Amino acid sequence: MKVKTVGTVSEFLHPQPKRKKRFSSVTVPLLLAGGATPAYAQEAVTVSVNGKVKEKIVSAFDPLVDLITQLSYPVAAVMVTGGALLVMIGLKEKGYSTIQTASIGFILVQMSPLLLELLFGIGEAV
């Protein structure tokens, strides 16, 4: 027989009222037929969405973003090394172009979490 603790005696004797969940609202357009006329009336219907749902969706992508940012260093290192080898064998234009592209790509990938947070903040403000 297993014993499962669900709370203390003081919590049982003095229960605290449960806090209501905070909801944010999202407005979704809904098209309704307007009687016998073929015209449509557009009304806004408010749909409640829990704020924690948005947070869970955003945090679900964190491991993927971390994986991509961690893989960017070895990929950029290989590309820069390849560009240096191209410069060494006499293909300076292509070598410098490869090094430049790898450097810019590495910086953008490293900045992607910051850009995603910025976009999410703008989306919340709107």
N, C-alpha and C. Protein backbone atom coordinates (compact mmCIF):
# COMPACT_ATOMS: atom_id res chain seq x y z
N MET A 1 0.83 -1.17 0.00
CA MET A 1 0.00 0.00 0.00
C MET A 1 0.89 1.24 0.00
N LYS A 2 0.64 2.16 -0.94
CA LYS A 2 1.41 3.39 -1.03
C LYS A 2 0.69 4.50 -0.29
N VAL A 3 1.48 5.34 0.38
CA VAL A 3 0.93 6.51 1.06
C VAL A 3 1.29 7.72 0.23
N LYS A 4 0.28 8.51 -0.10
CA LYS A 4 0.50 9.69 -0.92
C LYS A 4 0.12 10.92 -0.10
N THR A 5 1.06 11.84 0.06
CA THR A 5 0.81 13.07 0.81
C THR A 5 0.24 14.11 -0.15
N VAL A 6 -0.93 14.65 0.21
CA VAL A 6 -1.57 15.62 -0.67
C VAL A 6 -1.56 17.03 -0.08
N GLY A 7 -1.09 17.19 1.12
CA GLY A 7 -1.04 18.50 1.75
C GLY A 7 -0.81 18.36 3.24
N THR A 8 -0.71 19.48 3.92
CA THR A 8 -0.50 19.47 5.36
C THR A 8 -1.84 19.59 6.06
N VAL A 9 -1.82 19.34 7.37
CA VAL A 9 -3.02 19.44 8.18
C VAL A 9 -3.51 20.88 8.23
N SER A 10 -2.59 21.83 8.35
CA SER A 10 -2.99 23.25 8.40
C SER A 10 -3.63 23.69 7.08
N GLU A 11 -3.17 23.16 5.95
CA GLU A 11 -3.81 23.48 4.67
C GLU A 11 -5.21 22.90 4.61
N PHE A 12 -5.42 21.74 5.24
CA PHE A 12 -6.74 21.13 5.27
C PHE A 12 -7.69 21.91 6.17
N LEU A 13 -7.18 22.35 7.33
CA LEU A 13 -8.03 23.07 8.28
C LEU A 13 -8.30 24.51 7.84
N HIS A 14 -7.37 25.13 7.14
CA HIS A 14 -7.53 26.52 6.68
C HIS A 14 -7.30 26.59 5.18
N PRO A 15 -8.27 26.13 4.40
CA PRO A 15 -8.06 26.14 2.94
C PRO A 15 -8.03 27.56 2.40
N GLN A 16 -7.14 27.76 1.45
CA GLN A 16 -7.02 29.04 0.76
C GLN A 16 -7.85 28.97 -0.51
N PRO A 17 -8.57 30.04 -0.82
CA PRO A 17 -9.32 30.02 -2.09
C PRO A 17 -8.36 29.94 -3.27
N LYS A 18 -8.77 29.17 -4.26
CA LYS A 18 -7.93 29.04 -5.45
C LYS A 18 -7.97 30.33 -6.25
N ARG A 19 -6.79 30.72 -6.76
CA ARG A 19 -6.72 31.92 -7.58
C ARG A 19 -7.27 31.63 -8.96
N LYS A 20 -7.96 32.60 -9.48
CA LYS A 20 -8.49 32.46 -10.84
C LYS A 20 -7.35 32.62 -11.82
N LYS A 21 -7.42 31.86 -12.90
CA LYS A 21 -6.41 31.96 -13.95
C LYS A 21 -6.62 33.25 -14.72
N ARG A 22 -5.50 33.88 -15.05
CA ARG A 22 -5.57 35.11 -15.84
C ARG A 22 -5.60 34.74 -17.31
N PHE A 23 -6.50 35.35 -18.02
CA PHE A 23 -6.64 35.10 -19.44
C PHE A 23 -6.41 36.39 -20.19
N SER A 24 -5.78 36.25 -21.34
CA SER A 24 -5.69 37.39 -22.25
C SER A 24 -6.67 37.09 -23.39
N SER A 25 -7.09 38.09 -24.06
CA SER A 25 -8.07 37.86 -25.11
C SER A 25 -7.48 38.15 -26.47
N VAL A 26 -7.94 37.41 -27.44
CA VAL A 26 -7.52 37.56 -28.83
C VAL A 26 -8.79 37.78 -29.65
N THR A 27 -8.78 38.75 -30.51
CA THR A 27 -9.95 39.04 -31.33
C THR A 27 -9.81 38.31 -32.65
N VAL A 28 -10.84 37.54 -33.00
CA VAL A 28 -10.86 36.76 -34.24
C VAL A 28 -12.03 37.23 -35.08
N PRO A 29 -11.82 37.61 -36.33
CA PRO A 29 -12.96 38.03 -37.15
C PRO A 29 -13.86 36.85 -37.49
N LEU A 30 -15.15 37.08 -37.46
CA LEU A 30 -16.12 36.05 -37.77
C LEU A 30 -17.09 36.61 -38.80
N LEU A 31 -17.26 35.90 -39.90
CA LEU A 31 -18.16 36.36 -40.94
C LEU A 31 -19.52 35.69 -40.76
N LEU A 32 -20.55 36.49 -40.66
CA LEU A 32 -21.92 35.98 -40.49
C LEU A 32 -22.74 36.37 -41.71
N ALA A 33 -23.60 35.45 -42.18
CA ALA A 33 -24.46 35.75 -43.32
C ALA A 33 -25.48 36.80 -42.91
N GLY A 34 -25.73 37.76 -43.77
CA GLY A 34 -26.66 38.85 -43.44
C GLY A 34 -28.03 38.64 -44.03
N GLY A 35 -28.86 37.79 -43.43
CA GLY A 35 -30.26 37.61 -43.84
C GLY A 35 -30.37 37.06 -45.25
N ALA A 36 -31.32 37.65 -46.04
CA ALA A 36 -31.57 37.18 -47.40
C ALA A 36 -30.58 37.76 -48.39
N THR A 37 -29.86 38.82 -47.99
CA THR A 37 -28.90 39.44 -48.91
C THR A 37 -27.61 38.64 -48.92
N PRO A 38 -26.91 38.63 -50.03
CA PRO A 38 -25.66 37.87 -50.09
C PRO A 38 -24.50 38.55 -49.37
N ALA A 39 -24.73 39.76 -48.87
CA ALA A 39 -23.65 40.48 -48.19
C ALA A 39 -23.35 39.81 -46.86
N TYR A 40 -22.12 39.95 -46.42
CA TYR A 40 -21.70 39.36 -45.15
C TYR A 40 -21.43 40.47 -44.15
N ALA A 41 -21.82 40.23 -42.91
CA ALA A 41 -21.54 41.19 -41.84
C ALA A 41 -20.34 40.67 -41.07
N GLN A 42 -19.37 41.53 -40.82
CA GLN A 42 -18.18 41.12 -40.10
C GLN A 42 -18.28 41.58 -38.66
N GLU A 43 -18.18 40.65 -37.75
CA GLU A 43 -18.22 40.96 -36.33
C GLU A 43 -16.97 40.38 -35.69
N ALA A 44 -16.55 41.01 -34.62
CA ALA A 44 -15.38 40.53 -33.89
C ALA A 44 -15.84 39.65 -32.74
N VAL A 45 -15.27 38.51 -32.64
CA VAL A 45 -15.57 37.59 -31.55
C VAL A 45 -14.30 37.46 -30.72
N THR A 46 -14.42 37.64 -29.42
CA THR A 46 -13.26 37.56 -28.55
C THR A 46 -13.10 36.14 -28.04
N VAL A 47 -11.93 35.61 -28.26
CA VAL A 47 -11.61 34.26 -27.82
C VAL A 47 -10.58 34.37 -26.71
N SER A 48 -10.83 33.77 -25.58
CA SER A 48 -9.90 33.83 -24.46
C SER A 48 -8.81 32.79 -24.64
N VAL A 49 -7.58 33.23 -24.45
CA VAL A 49 -6.43 32.35 -24.55
C VAL A 49 -5.60 32.55 -23.29
N ASN A 50 -5.25 31.47 -22.66
CA ASN A 50 -4.45 31.53 -21.45
C ASN A 50 -3.06 32.04 -21.81
N GLY A 51 -2.54 33.00 -21.04
CA GLY A 51 -1.22 33.57 -21.30
C GLY A 51 -0.12 32.54 -21.19
N LYS A 52 -0.33 31.52 -20.36
CA LYS A 52 0.69 30.49 -20.20
C LYS A 52 0.80 29.61 -21.44
N VAL A 53 -0.26 29.50 -22.21
CA VAL A 53 -0.21 28.70 -23.44
C VAL A 53 0.77 29.32 -24.41
N LYS A 54 0.70 30.67 -24.56
CA LYS A 54 1.66 31.35 -25.44
C LYS A 54 3.08 31.12 -24.97
N GLU A 55 3.29 31.21 -23.66
CA GLU A 55 4.63 31.03 -23.10
C GLU A 55 5.14 29.62 -23.36
N LYS A 56 4.27 28.61 -23.25
CA LYS A 56 4.67 27.23 -23.49
C LYS A 56 5.02 27.02 -24.96
N ILE A 57 4.27 27.63 -25.84
CA ILE A 57 4.54 27.48 -27.27
C ILE A 57 5.90 28.09 -27.61
N VAL A 58 6.15 29.28 -27.07
CA VAL A 58 7.43 29.95 -27.35
C VAL A 58 8.58 29.15 -26.74
N SER A 59 8.40 28.66 -25.51
CA SER A 59 9.49 27.93 -24.87
C SER A 59 9.70 26.54 -25.49
N ALA A 60 8.73 26.04 -26.24
CA ALA A 60 8.89 24.75 -26.90
C ALA A 60 9.97 24.81 -27.98
N PHE A 61 10.20 25.98 -28.55
CA PHE A 61 11.19 26.12 -29.60
C PHE A 61 12.59 26.42 -29.06
N ASP A 62 12.74 26.63 -27.76
CA ASP A 62 14.04 26.95 -27.19
C ASP A 62 15.10 25.88 -27.45
N PRO A 63 14.80 24.57 -27.28
CA PRO A 63 15.84 23.57 -27.58
C PRO A 63 16.30 23.60 -29.03
N LEU A 64 15.38 23.85 -29.94
CA LEU A 64 15.74 23.91 -31.36
C LEU A 64 16.65 25.11 -31.64
N VAL A 65 16.31 26.25 -31.07
CA VAL A 65 17.13 27.46 -31.25
C VAL A 65 18.51 27.25 -30.63
N ASP A 66 18.57 26.63 -29.45
CA ASP A 66 19.86 26.35 -28.81
C ASP A 66 20.71 25.41 -29.66
N LEU A 67 20.08 24.39 -30.23
CA LEU A 67 20.81 23.44 -31.07
C LEU A 67 21.40 24.14 -32.29
N ILE A 68 20.61 24.99 -32.92
CA ILE A 68 21.09 25.68 -34.12
C ILE A 68 22.24 26.63 -33.78
N THR A 69 22.11 27.36 -32.67
CA THR A 69 23.19 28.29 -32.30
C THR A 69 24.47 27.54 -31.93
N GLN A 70 24.33 26.36 -31.32
CA GLN A 70 25.52 25.60 -30.96
C GLN A 70 26.17 24.95 -32.18
N LEU A 71 25.37 24.60 -33.18
CA LEU A 71 25.94 24.00 -34.39
C LEU A 71 26.55 25.03 -35.33
N SER A 72 26.23 26.31 -35.11
CA SER A 72 26.73 27.34 -36.03
C SER A 72 28.24 27.52 -35.92
N TYR A 73 28.81 27.32 -34.75
CA TYR A 73 30.26 27.51 -34.61
C TYR A 73 31.06 26.50 -35.43
N PRO A 74 30.80 25.19 -35.31
CA PRO A 74 31.59 24.26 -36.13
C PRO A 74 31.36 24.44 -37.63
N VAL A 75 30.13 24.77 -38.02
CA VAL A 75 29.86 24.97 -39.45
C VAL A 75 30.62 26.19 -39.95
N ALA A 76 30.58 27.28 -39.18
CA ALA A 76 31.31 28.49 -39.58
C ALA A 76 32.81 28.24 -39.61
N ALA A 77 33.31 27.46 -38.66
CA ALA A 77 34.75 27.17 -38.64
C ALA A 77 35.17 26.40 -39.88
N VAL A 78 34.37 25.44 -40.30
CA VAL A 78 34.69 24.67 -41.51
C VAL A 78 34.65 25.58 -42.74
N MET A 79 33.65 26.47 -42.80
CA MET A 79 33.54 27.35 -43.95
C MET A 79 34.69 28.36 -44.01
N VAL A 80 35.07 28.91 -42.86
CA VAL A 80 36.19 29.87 -42.84
C VAL A 80 37.48 29.15 -43.24
N THR A 81 37.67 27.94 -42.75
CA THR A 81 38.86 27.17 -43.12
C THR A 81 38.87 26.87 -44.62
N GLY A 82 37.71 26.52 -45.16
CA GLY A 82 37.61 26.28 -46.61
C GLY A 82 37.90 27.53 -47.39
N GLY A 83 37.42 28.68 -46.91
CA GLY A 83 37.71 29.95 -47.57
C GLY A 83 39.19 30.27 -47.54
N ALA A 84 39.83 29.98 -46.40
CA ALA A 84 41.28 30.21 -46.30
C ALA A 84 42.05 29.31 -47.26
N LEU A 85 41.60 28.08 -47.41
CA LEU A 85 42.25 27.17 -48.36
C LEU A 85 42.07 27.67 -49.79
N LEU A 86 40.89 28.22 -50.10
CA LEU A 86 40.68 28.78 -51.45
C LEU A 86 41.62 29.95 -51.70
N VAL A 87 41.84 30.78 -50.68
CA VAL A 87 42.78 31.91 -50.84
C VAL A 87 44.19 31.36 -51.07
N MET A 88 44.54 30.29 -50.35
CA MET A 88 45.88 29.72 -50.47
C MET A 88 46.14 29.15 -51.86
N ILE A 89 45.10 28.60 -52.50
CA ILE A 89 45.34 27.99 -53.82
C ILE A 89 45.16 29.00 -54.95
N GLY A 90 44.88 30.26 -54.61
CA GLY A 90 44.83 31.30 -55.63
C GLY A 90 43.44 31.78 -56.00
N LEU A 91 42.41 31.25 -55.41
CA LEU A 91 41.06 31.72 -55.69
C LEU A 91 40.64 32.74 -54.61
N LYS A 92 41.31 33.90 -54.68
CA LYS A 92 41.11 34.90 -53.63
C LYS A 92 39.68 35.41 -53.56
N GLU A 93 39.09 35.72 -54.71
CA GLU A 93 37.72 36.27 -54.71
C GLU A 93 36.74 35.31 -54.04
N LYS A 94 36.79 34.05 -54.47
CA LYS A 94 35.88 33.06 -53.92
C LYS A 94 36.19 32.78 -52.45
N GLY A 95 37.45 32.77 -52.08
CA GLY A 95 37.86 32.52 -50.69
C GLY A 95 37.38 33.62 -49.76
N TYR A 96 37.62 34.88 -50.13
CA TYR A 96 37.17 35.99 -49.29
C TYR A 96 35.65 36.05 -49.22
N SER A 97 35.00 35.74 -50.31
CA SER A 97 33.54 35.72 -50.32
C SER A 97 33.00 34.64 -49.37
N THR A 98 33.63 33.47 -49.37
CA THR A 98 33.21 32.39 -48.47
C THR A 98 33.43 32.76 -47.01
N ILE A 99 34.58 33.37 -46.71
CA ILE A 99 34.86 33.79 -45.33
C ILE A 99 33.86 34.86 -44.89
N GLN A 100 33.58 35.81 -45.77
CA GLN A 100 32.64 36.88 -45.43
C GLN A 100 31.23 36.32 -45.20
N THR A 101 30.79 35.43 -46.08
CA THR A 101 29.46 34.83 -45.94
C THR A 101 29.36 34.01 -44.66
N ALA A 102 30.39 33.24 -44.35
CA ALA A 102 30.38 32.43 -43.12
C ALA A 102 30.35 33.31 -41.88
N SER A 103 31.09 34.41 -41.90
CA SER A 103 31.13 35.32 -40.74
C SER A 103 29.78 35.99 -40.52
N ILE A 104 29.19 36.50 -41.59
CA ILE A 104 27.88 37.17 -41.46
C ILE A 104 26.82 36.16 -41.01
N GLY A 105 26.84 34.97 -41.58
CA GLY A 105 25.88 33.94 -41.19
C GLY A 105 26.03 33.54 -39.74
N PHE A 106 27.26 33.41 -39.26
CA PHE A 106 27.50 33.05 -37.87
C PHE A 106 26.96 34.12 -36.93
N ILE A 107 27.21 35.38 -37.25
CA ILE A 107 26.72 36.48 -36.41
C ILE A 107 25.20 36.50 -36.38
N LEU A 108 24.57 36.31 -37.53
CA LEU A 108 23.10 36.32 -37.58
C LEU A 108 22.49 35.15 -36.80
N VAL A 109 23.11 33.98 -36.89
CA VAL A 109 22.59 32.83 -36.15
C VAL A 109 22.76 33.06 -34.64
N GLN A 110 23.88 33.64 -34.23
CA GLN A 110 24.08 33.91 -32.81
C GLN A 110 23.11 34.97 -32.29
N MET A 111 22.68 35.87 -33.16
CA MET A 111 21.74 36.92 -32.76
C MET A 111 20.28 36.48 -32.88
N SER A 112 20.02 35.31 -33.43
CA SER A 112 18.64 34.88 -33.66
C SER A 112 17.79 34.79 -32.38
N PRO A 113 18.31 34.32 -31.22
CA PRO A 113 17.47 34.34 -30.01
C PRO A 113 17.05 35.76 -29.62
N LEU A 114 17.96 36.71 -29.78
CA LEU A 114 17.63 38.11 -29.47
C LEU A 114 16.57 38.64 -30.42
N LEU A 115 16.70 38.32 -31.71
CA LEU A 115 15.71 38.76 -32.68
C LEU A 115 14.35 38.12 -32.45
N LEU A 116 14.33 36.85 -32.04
CA LEU A 116 13.07 36.18 -31.76
C LEU A 116 12.38 36.78 -30.54
N GLU A 117 13.15 37.12 -29.50
CA GLU A 117 12.56 37.77 -28.33
C GLU A 117 12.02 39.14 -28.69
N LEU A 118 12.72 39.86 -29.56
CA LEU A 118 12.27 41.16 -30.00
C LEU A 118 10.96 41.04 -30.76
N LEU A 119 10.87 40.07 -31.68
CA LEU A 119 9.63 39.87 -32.43
C LEU A 119 8.48 39.46 -31.52
N PHE A 120 8.76 38.60 -30.53
CA PHE A 120 7.72 38.19 -29.60
C PHE A 120 7.23 39.37 -28.77
N GLY A 121 8.15 40.25 -28.35
CA GLY A 121 7.76 41.44 -27.60
C GLY A 121 6.90 42.38 -28.43
N ILE A 122 7.24 42.53 -29.69
CA ILE A 122 6.43 43.37 -30.59
C ILE A 122 5.06 42.76 -30.78
N GLY A 123 5.00 41.44 -30.92
CA GLY A 123 3.72 40.76 -31.08
C GLY A 123 2.83 40.90 -29.86
N GLU A 124 3.40 40.90 -28.67
CA GLU A 124 2.62 41.09 -27.45
C GLU A 124 2.09 42.52 -27.35
N ALA A 125 2.89 43.48 -27.81
CA ALA A 125 2.48 44.89 -27.73
C ALA A 125 1.33 45.19 -28.68
N VAL A 126 1.29 44.47 -29.79
CA VAL A 126 0.23 44.71 -30.77
C VAL A 126 -0.98 43.96 -30.36
